[in-house]
Amino acid sequence: GDKAFAQFLTDEIKEEKKIQKHKSLPKVSGGWELEVHGTEAKLVRKIAGEKITVTFNINNSIPPSAEEETQEQQKPDEQEPELTSTPNFVVEVIKDDTKQTLVLDCHFPEDEVGHEGEEESDIFTIREVSFQPTGEADWKDTNYTLNTDSLDWALYDHLMDFLADRGVDNTFADELIELSTALEHQEYIKFLEDLKSFVKCQ
């Protein structure tokens, strides 16, 4: 059984490498520096007196609906549809002279992806906003967290503009999806390779 499993994995890895779009991770324009730790990625950008970091994790970042539909409709010889990774991401804005970090929790609404043509709509939304003490690893649940569900839309628009002024806009979000998808695929191939070595190990 293990031999057949290893052979299957070998073929699978070959296939996945064939469809891999990026041999190296795509860059995000606008002077963002990328750090990757396993499945977590961090983009950092410094502008006058501020440091902006965007963190996301590729785990569970592929929307489930895409996979379920295709299983039924797919003909055996069809190319599998491309899976897109749309992770939640957290934007932290740190100003040099304050002890607080503004934290904005953003996500891609599941029904938004793939609706082109609506020029005005943003491809990501802000879900929560809070202040956290700068430099502390653990965020406090006791800090007030503003949920945007019931937020005055004018305030919400200002928050979106505030992000856009710092380079977090639709273009950035598109590139983040591209980066995340490439990273997810890279990790998936690595996982298959690890699994193969594990299965072959006597």
N, C-alpha and C. Protein backbone atom coordinates (compact mmCIF):
# COMPACT_ATOMS: atom_id res chain seq x y z
N GLY A 1 0.83 -1.21 0.00
CA GLY A 1 0.00 0.00 0.00
C GLY A 1 0.86 1.25 0.00
N ASP A 2 1.92 1.24 0.82
CA ASP A 2 2.76 2.44 0.92
C ASP A 2 3.48 2.74 -0.39
N LYS A 3 3.86 1.65 -1.10
CA LYS A 3 4.57 1.85 -2.38
C LYS A 3 3.67 2.58 -3.37
N ALA A 4 2.42 2.10 -3.43
CA ALA A 4 1.46 2.72 -4.35
C ALA A 4 1.21 4.17 -3.96
N PHE A 5 1.15 4.40 -2.64
CA PHE A 5 0.92 5.75 -2.11
C PHE A 5 2.08 6.66 -2.52
N ALA A 6 3.29 6.16 -2.36
CA ALA A 6 4.47 6.96 -2.71
C ALA A 6 4.50 7.26 -4.21
N GLN A 7 4.11 6.28 -5.00
CA GLN A 7 4.09 6.48 -6.45
C GLN A 7 3.05 7.54 -6.83
N PHE A 8 1.89 7.44 -6.19
CA PHE A 8 0.83 8.42 -6.42
C PHE A 8 1.34 9.82 -6.08
N LEU A 9 2.03 9.94 -4.95
CA LEU A 9 2.54 11.24 -4.52
C LEU A 9 3.58 11.78 -5.51
N THR A 10 4.42 10.88 -6.02
CA THR A 10 5.43 11.30 -7.00
C THR A 10 4.75 11.92 -8.22
N ASP A 11 3.71 11.25 -8.72
CA ASP A 11 2.99 11.77 -9.89
C ASP A 11 2.29 13.09 -9.57
N GLU A 12 1.71 13.12 -8.39
CA GLU A 12 0.97 14.31 -7.95
C GLU A 12 1.92 15.52 -7.87
N ILE A 13 3.12 15.30 -7.31
CA ILE A 13 4.09 16.39 -7.18
C ILE A 13 4.49 16.89 -8.57
N LYS A 14 4.69 15.94 -9.50
CA LYS A 14 5.04 16.31 -10.89
C LYS A 14 3.97 17.20 -11.49
N GLU A 15 2.70 16.78 -11.32
CA GLU A 15 1.56 17.53 -11.85
C GLU A 15 1.50 18.93 -11.26
N GLU A 16 1.63 18.99 -9.94
CA GLU A 16 1.52 20.28 -9.25
C GLU A 16 2.64 21.23 -9.68
N LYS A 17 3.84 20.66 -9.89
CA LYS A 17 4.97 21.51 -10.31
C LYS A 17 4.74 22.03 -11.72
N LYS A 18 4.05 21.21 -12.53
CA LYS A 18 3.77 21.62 -13.90
C LYS A 18 2.86 22.85 -13.92
N ILE A 19 1.85 22.86 -13.02
CA ILE A 19 0.91 23.98 -13.04
C ILE A 19 1.34 25.14 -12.14
N GLN A 20 2.49 24.97 -11.48
CA GLN A 20 2.94 26.04 -10.58
C GLN A 20 3.29 27.28 -11.39
N LYS A 21 2.60 28.38 -11.09
CA LYS A 21 2.80 29.59 -11.88
C LYS A 21 4.13 30.27 -11.56
N HIS A 22 4.44 30.31 -10.28
CA HIS A 22 5.61 31.08 -9.85
C HIS A 22 6.65 30.16 -9.24
N LYS A 23 7.84 30.15 -9.82
CA LYS A 23 8.91 29.37 -9.20
C LYS A 23 9.40 30.11 -7.96
N SER A 24 9.40 31.43 -8.05
CA SER A 24 9.72 32.19 -6.84
C SER A 24 8.49 33.05 -6.53
N LEU A 25 8.38 33.50 -5.31
CA LEU A 25 7.16 34.20 -4.91
C LEU A 25 7.04 35.55 -5.62
N PRO A 26 5.83 35.87 -6.08
CA PRO A 26 5.64 37.17 -6.75
C PRO A 26 5.85 38.32 -5.77
N LYS A 27 6.38 39.40 -6.29
CA LYS A 27 6.63 40.58 -5.45
C LYS A 27 5.35 41.41 -5.31
N VAL A 28 5.28 42.13 -4.22
CA VAL A 28 4.18 43.07 -4.04
C VAL A 28 4.74 44.45 -4.30
N SER A 29 4.11 45.19 -5.24
CA SER A 29 4.67 46.49 -5.62
C SER A 29 4.46 47.50 -4.50
N GLY A 30 5.24 48.58 -4.54
CA GLY A 30 5.07 49.62 -3.53
C GLY A 30 6.06 49.52 -2.39
N GLY A 31 7.14 48.79 -2.60
CA GLY A 31 8.20 48.78 -1.60
C GLY A 31 7.90 47.98 -0.35
N TRP A 32 7.12 46.94 -0.46
CA TRP A 32 6.85 46.07 0.69
C TRP A 32 7.95 45.03 0.80
N GLU A 33 8.41 44.81 2.01
CA GLU A 33 9.39 43.74 2.22
C GLU A 33 8.67 42.53 2.77
N LEU A 34 9.02 41.37 2.25
CA LEU A 34 8.33 40.14 2.62
C LEU A 34 9.17 39.28 3.55
N GLU A 35 8.54 38.81 4.62
CA GLU A 35 9.16 37.80 5.47
C GLU A 35 8.19 36.63 5.52
N VAL A 36 8.70 35.42 5.38
CA VAL A 36 7.82 34.26 5.45
C VAL A 36 8.32 33.31 6.53
N HIS A 37 7.43 32.93 7.43
CA HIS A 37 7.74 31.92 8.44
C HIS A 37 6.72 30.81 8.30
N GLY A 38 7.10 29.75 7.61
CA GLY A 38 6.14 28.65 7.40
C GLY A 38 4.93 29.16 6.64
N THR A 39 3.77 29.04 7.26
CA THR A 39 2.54 29.43 6.55
C THR A 39 2.18 30.89 6.83
N GLU A 40 2.99 31.56 7.65
CA GLU A 40 2.66 32.95 7.94
C GLU A 40 3.57 33.88 7.15
N ALA A 41 2.97 34.90 6.56
CA ALA A 41 3.75 35.86 5.79
C ALA A 41 3.50 37.25 6.35
N LYS A 42 4.56 38.05 6.28
CA LYS A 42 4.45 39.40 6.81
C LYS A 42 5.03 40.36 5.77
N LEU A 43 4.28 41.39 5.45
CA LEU A 43 4.75 42.42 4.53
C LEU A 43 4.97 43.69 5.34
N VAL A 44 6.13 44.31 5.17
CA VAL A 44 6.46 45.50 5.97
C VAL A 44 6.83 46.65 5.05
N ARG A 45 6.33 47.81 5.40
CA ARG A 45 6.62 49.00 4.62
C ARG A 45 6.79 50.17 5.57
N LYS A 46 7.82 50.96 5.36
CA LYS A 46 8.03 52.14 6.21
C LYS A 46 7.81 53.39 5.39
N ILE A 47 6.96 54.28 5.93
CA ILE A 47 6.82 55.59 5.29
C ILE A 47 6.96 56.62 6.40
N ALA A 48 7.18 57.84 6.02
CA ALA A 48 7.49 58.92 6.97
C ALA A 48 6.88 58.72 8.36
N GLY A 49 7.71 58.34 9.29
CA GLY A 49 7.27 58.27 10.68
C GLY A 49 6.32 57.13 11.01
N GLU A 50 6.12 56.23 10.07
CA GLU A 50 5.19 55.13 10.31
C GLU A 50 5.76 53.82 9.78
N LYS A 51 5.32 52.76 10.43
CA LYS A 51 5.67 51.43 9.93
C LYS A 51 4.35 50.69 9.74
N ILE A 52 4.15 50.14 8.57
CA ILE A 52 2.91 49.40 8.30
C ILE A 52 3.28 47.94 8.10
N THR A 53 2.64 47.07 8.85
CA THR A 53 2.87 45.65 8.61
C THR A 53 1.55 44.97 8.29
N VAL A 54 1.61 44.06 7.34
CA VAL A 54 0.44 43.28 6.96
C VAL A 54 0.81 41.82 7.17
N THR A 55 0.04 41.13 7.99
CA THR A 55 0.34 39.73 8.28
C THR A 55 -0.82 38.86 7.82
N PHE A 56 -0.49 37.72 7.24
CA PHE A 56 -1.55 36.76 6.90
C PHE A 56 -1.00 35.35 7.00
N ASN A 57 -1.92 34.40 7.14
CA ASN A 57 -1.55 33.00 7.23
C ASN A 57 -2.31 32.25 6.14
N ILE A 58 -1.58 31.40 5.39
CA ILE A 58 -2.24 30.72 4.27
C ILE A 58 -3.08 29.54 4.70
N ASN A 59 -2.93 29.09 5.94
CA ASN A 59 -3.76 27.96 6.38
C ASN A 59 -5.24 28.33 6.29
N ASN A 60 -6.04 27.43 5.79
CA ASN A 60 -7.49 27.64 5.65
C ASN A 60 -7.84 28.88 4.84
N SER A 61 -6.99 29.21 3.87
CA SER A 61 -7.25 30.45 3.13
C SER A 61 -7.94 30.20 1.78
N ILE A 62 -8.18 28.92 1.46
CA ILE A 62 -8.86 28.62 0.19
C ILE A 62 -10.35 28.48 0.48
N PRO A 63 -11.18 29.33 -0.13
CA PRO A 63 -12.61 29.24 0.18
C PRO A 63 -13.15 27.85 -0.16
N PRO A 64 -13.96 27.26 0.72
CA PRO A 64 -14.41 25.89 0.53
C PRO A 64 -15.34 25.70 -0.65
N SER A 65 -16.15 26.68 -0.96
CA SER A 65 -17.18 26.50 -1.98
C SER A 65 -16.58 26.10 -3.32
N ALA A 66 -15.43 26.66 -3.64
CA ALA A 66 -14.81 26.39 -4.95
C ALA A 66 -14.60 24.90 -5.14
N GLU A 67 -14.17 24.22 -4.09
CA GLU A 67 -13.81 22.81 -4.25
C GLU A 67 -15.04 21.94 -4.41
N GLU A 68 -16.08 22.23 -3.64
CA GLU A 68 -17.25 21.34 -3.65
C GLU A 68 -17.92 21.31 -5.01
N GLU A 69 -18.10 22.49 -5.62
CA GLU A 69 -18.81 22.53 -6.90
C GLU A 69 -18.08 21.74 -7.96
N THR A 70 -16.75 21.89 -7.98
CA THR A 70 -16.02 21.34 -9.11
C THR A 70 -16.05 19.82 -9.12
N GLN A 71 -16.10 19.22 -7.97
CA GLN A 71 -16.08 17.75 -7.92
C GLN A 71 -17.21 17.17 -8.76
N GLU A 72 -18.39 17.79 -8.65
CA GLU A 72 -19.53 17.22 -9.35
C GLU A 72 -19.51 17.53 -10.84
N GLN A 73 -19.10 18.76 -11.17
CA GLN A 73 -19.24 19.17 -12.57
C GLN A 73 -18.05 18.75 -13.42
N GLN A 74 -16.98 18.36 -12.78
CA GLN A 74 -15.75 18.15 -13.53
C GLN A 74 -15.79 16.90 -14.38
N LYS A 75 -15.38 17.04 -15.63
CA LYS A 75 -15.21 15.86 -16.47
C LYS A 75 -13.80 15.34 -16.20
N PRO A 76 -13.63 14.03 -16.34
CA PRO A 76 -12.36 13.43 -15.92
C PRO A 76 -11.11 14.07 -16.50
N ASP A 77 -11.18 14.50 -17.77
CA ASP A 77 -9.94 15.00 -18.37
C ASP A 77 -9.79 16.52 -18.27
N GLU A 78 -10.71 17.15 -17.58
CA GLU A 78 -10.63 18.61 -17.47
C GLU A 78 -9.51 19.02 -16.53
N GLN A 79 -8.93 20.15 -16.85
CA GLN A 79 -7.91 20.73 -15.96
C GLN A 79 -8.62 21.18 -14.68
N GLU A 80 -8.02 20.88 -13.56
CA GLU A 80 -8.67 21.32 -12.33
C GLU A 80 -8.70 22.84 -12.29
N PRO A 81 -9.75 23.42 -11.75
CA PRO A 81 -9.82 24.87 -11.71
C PRO A 81 -8.74 25.38 -10.76
N GLU A 82 -8.31 26.62 -11.01
CA GLU A 82 -7.27 27.16 -10.14
C GLU A 82 -7.87 27.52 -8.79
N LEU A 83 -7.19 27.10 -7.76
CA LEU A 83 -7.64 27.49 -6.43
C LEU A 83 -6.97 28.79 -6.08
N THR A 84 -7.75 29.67 -5.50
CA THR A 84 -7.21 30.96 -5.11
C THR A 84 -7.22 31.07 -3.61
N SER A 85 -6.13 31.56 -3.07
CA SER A 85 -6.03 31.71 -1.63
C SER A 85 -6.37 33.15 -1.25
N THR A 86 -7.44 33.32 -0.47
CA THR A 86 -7.86 34.66 -0.06
C THR A 86 -7.85 34.75 1.47
N PRO A 87 -6.67 34.91 2.05
CA PRO A 87 -6.58 34.87 3.51
C PRO A 87 -7.08 36.15 4.16
N ASN A 88 -7.55 36.02 5.39
CA ASN A 88 -7.76 37.22 6.19
C ASN A 88 -6.39 37.84 6.41
N PHE A 89 -6.33 39.16 6.51
CA PHE A 89 -5.04 39.76 6.80
C PHE A 89 -5.19 40.88 7.82
N VAL A 90 -4.14 41.08 8.59
CA VAL A 90 -4.17 42.07 9.66
C VAL A 90 -3.18 43.18 9.31
N VAL A 91 -3.68 44.40 9.30
CA VAL A 91 -2.83 45.55 9.03
C VAL A 91 -2.53 46.25 10.34
N GLU A 92 -1.25 46.46 10.63
CA GLU A 92 -0.88 47.21 11.83
C GLU A 92 -0.18 48.49 11.39
N VAL A 93 -0.65 49.60 11.93
CA VAL A 93 -0.01 50.87 11.64
C VAL A 93 0.63 51.37 12.93
N ILE A 94 1.95 51.52 12.89
CA ILE A 94 2.68 51.95 14.08
C ILE A 94 3.27 53.33 13.79
N LYS A 95 2.92 54.30 14.61
CA LYS A 95 3.51 55.63 14.44
C LYS A 95 4.69 55.73 15.42
N ASP A 96 5.75 56.37 14.95
CA ASP A 96 6.97 56.42 15.76
C ASP A 96 6.76 56.99 17.15
N ASP A 97 5.90 58.00 17.25
CA ASP A 97 5.86 58.71 18.54
C ASP A 97 4.68 58.33 19.43
N THR A 98 4.02 57.21 19.14
CA THR A 98 2.96 56.79 20.06
C THR A 98 3.26 55.39 20.56
N LYS A 99 2.64 55.06 21.67
CA LYS A 99 2.84 53.73 22.27
C LYS A 99 1.79 52.75 21.76
N GLN A 100 0.93 53.25 20.88
CA GLN A 100 -0.17 52.40 20.43
C GLN A 100 -0.04 52.04 18.96
N THR A 101 -0.55 50.88 18.64
CA THR A 101 -0.59 50.41 17.26
C THR A 101 -2.05 50.31 16.86
N LEU A 102 -2.38 50.88 15.70
CA LEU A 102 -3.74 50.73 15.20
C LEU A 102 -3.79 49.42 14.41
N VAL A 103 -4.71 48.55 14.80
CA VAL A 103 -4.79 47.23 14.18
C VAL A 103 -6.11 47.10 13.42
N LEU A 104 -6.01 46.79 12.14
CA LEU A 104 -7.22 46.63 11.33
C LEU A 104 -7.26 45.20 10.79
N ASP A 105 -8.33 44.54 11.13
CA ASP A 105 -8.50 43.15 10.74
C ASP A 105 -9.31 43.12 9.44
N CYS A 106 -8.70 42.66 8.36
CA CYS A 106 -9.36 42.73 7.06
C CYS A 106 -9.62 41.34 6.50
N HIS A 107 -10.64 41.24 5.69
CA HIS A 107 -10.85 39.95 5.03
C HIS A 107 -11.49 40.13 3.66
N PHE A 108 -11.41 39.07 2.87
CA PHE A 108 -12.01 39.08 1.54
C PHE A 108 -13.38 38.43 1.67
N PRO A 109 -14.45 39.17 1.39
CA PRO A 109 -15.78 38.56 1.49
C PRO A 109 -15.87 37.43 0.48
N GLU A 110 -16.47 36.32 0.89
CA GLU A 110 -16.44 35.14 0.02
C GLU A 110 -17.19 35.34 -1.28
N ASP A 111 -18.25 36.15 -1.25
CA ASP A 111 -19.03 36.28 -2.48
C ASP A 111 -18.44 37.35 -3.42
N GLU A 112 -17.44 38.10 -2.94
CA GLU A 112 -16.92 39.19 -3.76
C GLU A 112 -15.96 38.70 -4.82
N VAL A 113 -15.22 37.64 -4.50
CA VAL A 113 -14.14 37.24 -5.39
C VAL A 113 -14.72 36.79 -6.73
N GLY A 114 -14.19 37.37 -7.80
CA GLY A 114 -14.64 36.96 -9.12
C GLY A 114 -15.74 37.83 -9.69
N HIS A 115 -16.19 38.84 -8.96
CA HIS A 115 -17.17 39.76 -9.55
C HIS A 115 -16.44 40.95 -10.15
N GLU A 116 -16.00 40.78 -11.38
CA GLU A 116 -15.29 41.89 -12.01
C GLU A 116 -16.33 42.88 -12.52
N GLY A 117 -15.84 44.03 -12.91
CA GLY A 117 -16.76 44.96 -13.55
C GLY A 117 -17.39 45.94 -12.57
N GLU A 118 -17.40 45.60 -11.29
CA GLU A 118 -17.93 46.58 -10.34
C GLU A 118 -16.74 47.43 -9.90
N GLU A 119 -16.54 48.51 -10.63
CA GLU A 119 -15.33 49.29 -10.42
C GLU A 119 -15.25 49.85 -9.00
N GLU A 120 -16.38 50.25 -8.50
CA GLU A 120 -16.36 51.00 -7.25
C GLU A 120 -16.09 50.13 -6.03
N SER A 121 -16.44 48.86 -6.12
CA SER A 121 -16.44 48.10 -4.88
C SER A 121 -15.04 47.67 -4.49
N ASP A 122 -14.81 47.65 -3.20
CA ASP A 122 -13.51 47.22 -2.70
C ASP A 122 -13.49 45.71 -2.65
N ILE A 123 -12.31 45.13 -2.92
CA ILE A 123 -12.29 43.67 -2.92
C ILE A 123 -12.06 43.10 -1.52
N PHE A 124 -11.72 43.98 -0.57
CA PHE A 124 -11.61 43.49 0.80
C PHE A 124 -12.38 44.40 1.73
N THR A 125 -12.69 43.91 2.90
CA THR A 125 -13.41 44.73 3.87
C THR A 125 -12.66 44.74 5.18
N ILE A 126 -12.90 45.78 5.96
CA ILE A 126 -12.32 45.85 7.30
C ILE A 126 -13.34 45.25 8.25
N ARG A 127 -12.91 44.29 9.04
CA ARG A 127 -13.86 43.63 9.93
C ARG A 127 -13.83 44.22 11.34
N GLU A 128 -12.61 44.44 11.83
CA GLU A 128 -12.47 44.97 13.19
C GLU A 128 -11.30 45.94 13.25
N VAL A 129 -11.43 46.89 14.17
CA VAL A 129 -10.37 47.86 14.38
C VAL A 129 -10.13 47.99 15.88
N SER A 130 -8.86 47.99 16.27
CA SER A 130 -8.58 48.20 17.69
C SER A 130 -7.22 48.85 17.86
N PHE A 131 -6.95 49.34 19.06
CA PHE A 131 -5.62 49.79 19.41
C PHE A 131 -4.98 48.73 20.26
N GLN A 132 -3.70 48.46 20.00
CA GLN A 132 -2.97 47.52 20.84
C GLN A 132 -1.67 48.17 21.25
N PRO A 133 -1.16 47.79 22.45
CA PRO A 133 0.11 48.37 22.87
C PRO A 133 1.22 47.94 21.91
N THR A 134 1.99 48.91 21.45
CA THR A 134 3.06 48.63 20.49
C THR A 134 4.10 47.70 21.11
N GLY A 135 4.49 46.70 20.32
CA GLY A 135 5.60 45.85 20.75
C GLY A 135 5.21 44.70 21.65
N GLU A 136 3.94 44.58 22.00
CA GLU A 136 3.56 43.45 22.84
C GLU A 136 3.06 42.31 21.95
N ALA A 137 3.53 41.13 22.26
CA ALA A 137 3.19 40.00 21.40
C ALA A 137 1.72 39.62 21.56
N ASP A 138 1.25 39.64 22.77
CA ASP A 138 -0.13 39.20 23.02
C ASP A 138 -1.07 40.39 23.08
N TRP A 139 -2.08 40.35 22.26
CA TRP A 139 -3.04 41.43 22.28
C TRP A 139 -4.03 41.20 23.40
N LYS A 140 -4.48 42.30 23.95
CA LYS A 140 -5.37 42.20 25.10
C LYS A 140 -6.82 42.16 24.65
N ASP A 141 -7.56 41.20 25.20
CA ASP A 141 -8.99 41.14 24.90
C ASP A 141 -9.73 42.27 25.58
N THR A 142 -9.06 42.90 26.55
CA THR A 142 -9.74 43.96 27.29
C THR A 142 -9.72 45.27 26.53
N ASN A 143 -8.93 45.36 25.46
CA ASN A 143 -8.92 46.59 24.67
C ASN A 143 -10.17 46.66 23.80
N TYR A 144 -10.72 47.85 23.72
CA TYR A 144 -11.94 48.02 22.94
C TYR A 144 -11.70 47.65 21.48
N THR A 145 -12.57 46.82 20.95
CA THR A 145 -12.47 46.44 19.55
C THR A 145 -13.74 46.88 18.82
N LEU A 146 -13.52 47.66 17.80
CA LEU A 146 -14.64 48.20 17.05
C LEU A 146 -14.99 47.23 15.93
N ASN A 147 -16.22 46.74 15.97
CA ASN A 147 -16.67 45.85 14.91
C ASN A 147 -17.34 46.72 13.84
N THR A 148 -16.99 46.50 12.57
CA THR A 148 -17.47 47.42 11.54
C THR A 148 -18.89 47.13 11.06
N ASP A 149 -19.50 46.04 11.55
CA ASP A 149 -20.85 45.70 11.07
C ASP A 149 -21.83 46.84 11.24
N SER A 150 -21.74 47.51 12.37
CA SER A 150 -22.73 48.55 12.65
C SER A 150 -22.11 49.95 12.58
N LEU A 151 -21.06 50.06 11.79
CA LEU A 151 -20.31 51.31 11.77
C LEU A 151 -20.92 52.32 10.80
N ASP A 152 -20.83 53.58 11.18
CA ASP A 152 -21.20 54.68 10.31
C ASP A 152 -20.38 54.57 9.02
N TRP A 153 -21.04 54.55 7.88
CA TRP A 153 -20.31 54.29 6.62
C TRP A 153 -19.27 55.36 6.31
N ALA A 154 -19.51 56.60 6.76
CA ALA A 154 -18.54 57.66 6.49
C ALA A 154 -17.23 57.37 7.23
N LEU A 155 -17.35 56.91 8.47
CA LEU A 155 -16.17 56.54 9.25
C LEU A 155 -15.46 55.36 8.58
N TYR A 156 -16.27 54.41 8.12
CA TYR A 156 -15.70 53.24 7.44
C TYR A 156 -14.92 53.66 6.19
N ASP A 157 -15.51 54.56 5.42
CA ASP A 157 -14.84 55.05 4.21
C ASP A 157 -13.52 55.73 4.54
N HIS A 158 -13.52 56.50 5.62
CA HIS A 158 -12.28 57.16 6.04
C HIS A 158 -11.22 56.13 6.42
N LEU A 159 -11.65 55.07 7.08
CA LEU A 159 -10.70 54.01 7.45
C LEU A 159 -10.13 53.35 6.20
N MET A 160 -10.98 53.10 5.20
CA MET A 160 -10.49 52.51 3.95
C MET A 160 -9.51 53.46 3.24
N ASP A 161 -9.83 54.76 3.27
CA ASP A 161 -8.93 55.75 2.66
C ASP A 161 -7.61 55.80 3.42
N PHE A 162 -7.71 55.71 4.73
CA PHE A 162 -6.52 55.72 5.60
C PHE A 162 -5.60 54.57 5.20
N LEU A 163 -6.19 53.40 4.94
CA LEU A 163 -5.40 52.25 4.49
C LEU A 163 -4.83 52.49 3.09
N ALA A 164 -5.68 53.01 2.20
CA ALA A 164 -5.24 53.23 0.81
C ALA A 164 -4.06 54.20 0.77
N ASP A 165 -4.10 55.23 1.62
CA ASP A 165 -3.00 56.19 1.68
C ASP A 165 -1.70 55.53 2.09
N ARG A 166 -1.82 54.39 2.75
CA ARG A 166 -0.62 53.68 3.21
C ARG A 166 -0.29 52.49 2.32
N GLY A 167 -0.93 52.47 1.16
CA GLY A 167 -0.58 51.44 0.17
C GLY A 167 -1.41 50.17 0.26
N VAL A 168 -2.40 50.17 1.16
CA VAL A 168 -3.25 48.98 1.26
C VAL A 168 -4.57 49.30 0.54
N ASP A 169 -4.58 48.97 -0.76
CA ASP A 169 -5.76 49.27 -1.57
C ASP A 169 -6.10 48.04 -2.41
N ASN A 170 -6.98 48.20 -3.38
CA ASN A 170 -7.37 47.04 -4.20
C ASN A 170 -6.21 46.40 -4.95
N THR A 171 -5.31 47.26 -5.45
CA THR A 171 -4.14 46.72 -6.17
C THR A 171 -3.32 45.86 -5.23
N PHE A 172 -3.11 46.39 -4.03
CA PHE A 172 -2.35 45.65 -3.02
C PHE A 172 -3.06 44.33 -2.71
N ALA A 173 -4.38 44.41 -2.54
CA ALA A 173 -5.16 43.22 -2.17
C ALA A 173 -5.08 42.17 -3.27
N ASP A 174 -5.11 42.61 -4.54
CA ASP A 174 -4.97 41.67 -5.66
C ASP A 174 -3.62 40.98 -5.62
N GLU A 175 -2.57 41.78 -5.35
CA GLU A 175 -1.22 41.23 -5.31
C GLU A 175 -1.05 40.32 -4.10
N LEU A 176 -1.74 40.65 -3.03
CA LEU A 176 -1.68 39.80 -1.84
C LEU A 176 -2.31 38.43 -2.14
N ILE A 177 -3.42 38.43 -2.87
CA ILE A 177 -4.05 37.15 -3.26
C ILE A 177 -3.09 36.33 -4.12
N GLU A 178 -2.46 37.02 -5.06
CA GLU A 178 -1.49 36.36 -5.95
C GLU A 178 -0.34 35.75 -5.14
N LEU A 179 0.19 36.53 -4.22
CA LEU A 179 1.31 36.09 -3.38
C LEU A 179 0.87 34.92 -2.50
N SER A 180 -0.28 35.07 -1.89
CA SER A 180 -0.78 34.06 -0.97
C SER A 180 -1.05 32.75 -1.71
N THR A 181 -1.61 32.86 -2.92
CA THR A 181 -1.90 31.67 -3.72
C THR A 181 -0.61 30.94 -4.08
N ALA A 182 0.42 31.72 -4.46
CA ALA A 182 1.71 31.12 -4.83
C ALA A 182 2.35 30.46 -3.60
N LEU A 183 2.24 31.14 -2.48
CA LEU A 183 2.82 30.63 -1.23
C LEU A 183 2.10 29.35 -0.81
N GLU A 184 0.78 29.37 -0.93
CA GLU A 184 -0.03 28.21 -0.55
C GLU A 184 0.35 27.01 -1.41
N HIS A 185 0.52 27.27 -2.71
CA HIS A 185 0.84 26.18 -3.64
C HIS A 185 2.23 25.62 -3.35
N GLN A 186 3.16 26.53 -3.05
CA GLN A 186 4.52 26.13 -2.71
C GLN A 186 4.53 25.24 -1.47
N GLU A 187 3.76 25.66 -0.46
CA GLU A 187 3.69 24.88 0.78
C GLU A 187 3.01 23.54 0.56
N TYR A 188 2.03 23.53 -0.34
CA TYR A 188 1.31 22.29 -0.65
C TYR A 188 2.26 21.27 -1.29
N ILE A 189 3.06 21.75 -2.25
CA ILE A 189 4.03 20.87 -2.92
C ILE A 189 5.04 20.35 -1.90
N LYS A 190 5.48 21.25 -1.01
CA LYS A 190 6.44 20.86 0.02
C LYS A 190 5.81 19.80 0.94
N PHE A 191 4.54 19.99 1.24
CA PHE A 191 3.83 19.03 2.09
C PHE A 191 3.77 17.66 1.41
N LEU A 192 3.45 17.65 0.11
CA LEU A 192 3.40 16.39 -0.63
C LEU A 192 4.77 15.70 -0.62
N GLU A 193 5.82 16.50 -0.77
CA GLU A 193 7.18 15.94 -0.77
C GLU A 193 7.52 15.36 0.60
N ASP A 194 7.14 16.08 1.67
CA ASP A 194 7.39 15.58 3.03
C ASP A 194 6.60 14.30 3.28
N LEU A 195 5.38 14.30 2.77
CA LEU A 195 4.52 13.13 2.96
C LEU A 195 5.12 11.92 2.24
N LYS A 196 5.66 12.17 1.05
CA LYS A 196 6.27 11.10 0.28
C LYS A 196 7.46 10.50 1.05
N SER A 197 8.34 11.38 1.58
CA SER A 197 9.50 10.88 2.32
C SER A 197 9.03 10.12 3.56
N PHE A 198 7.97 10.61 4.17
CA PHE A 198 7.45 9.99 5.39
C PHE A 198 6.92 8.59 5.09
N VAL A 199 6.17 8.48 3.98
CA VAL A 199 5.58 7.20 3.59
C VAL A 199 6.67 6.18 3.22
N LYS A 200 7.73 6.69 2.57
CA LYS A 200 8.80 5.80 2.10
C LYS A 200 9.73 5.36 3.23
N CYS A 201 9.66 6.11 4.33
CA CYS A 201 10.58 5.84 5.44
C CYS A 201 10.26 4.48 6.07
N GLN A 202 11.24 3.64 6.20
CA GLN A 202 10.98 2.29 6.74
C GLN A 202 11.07 2.30 8.25
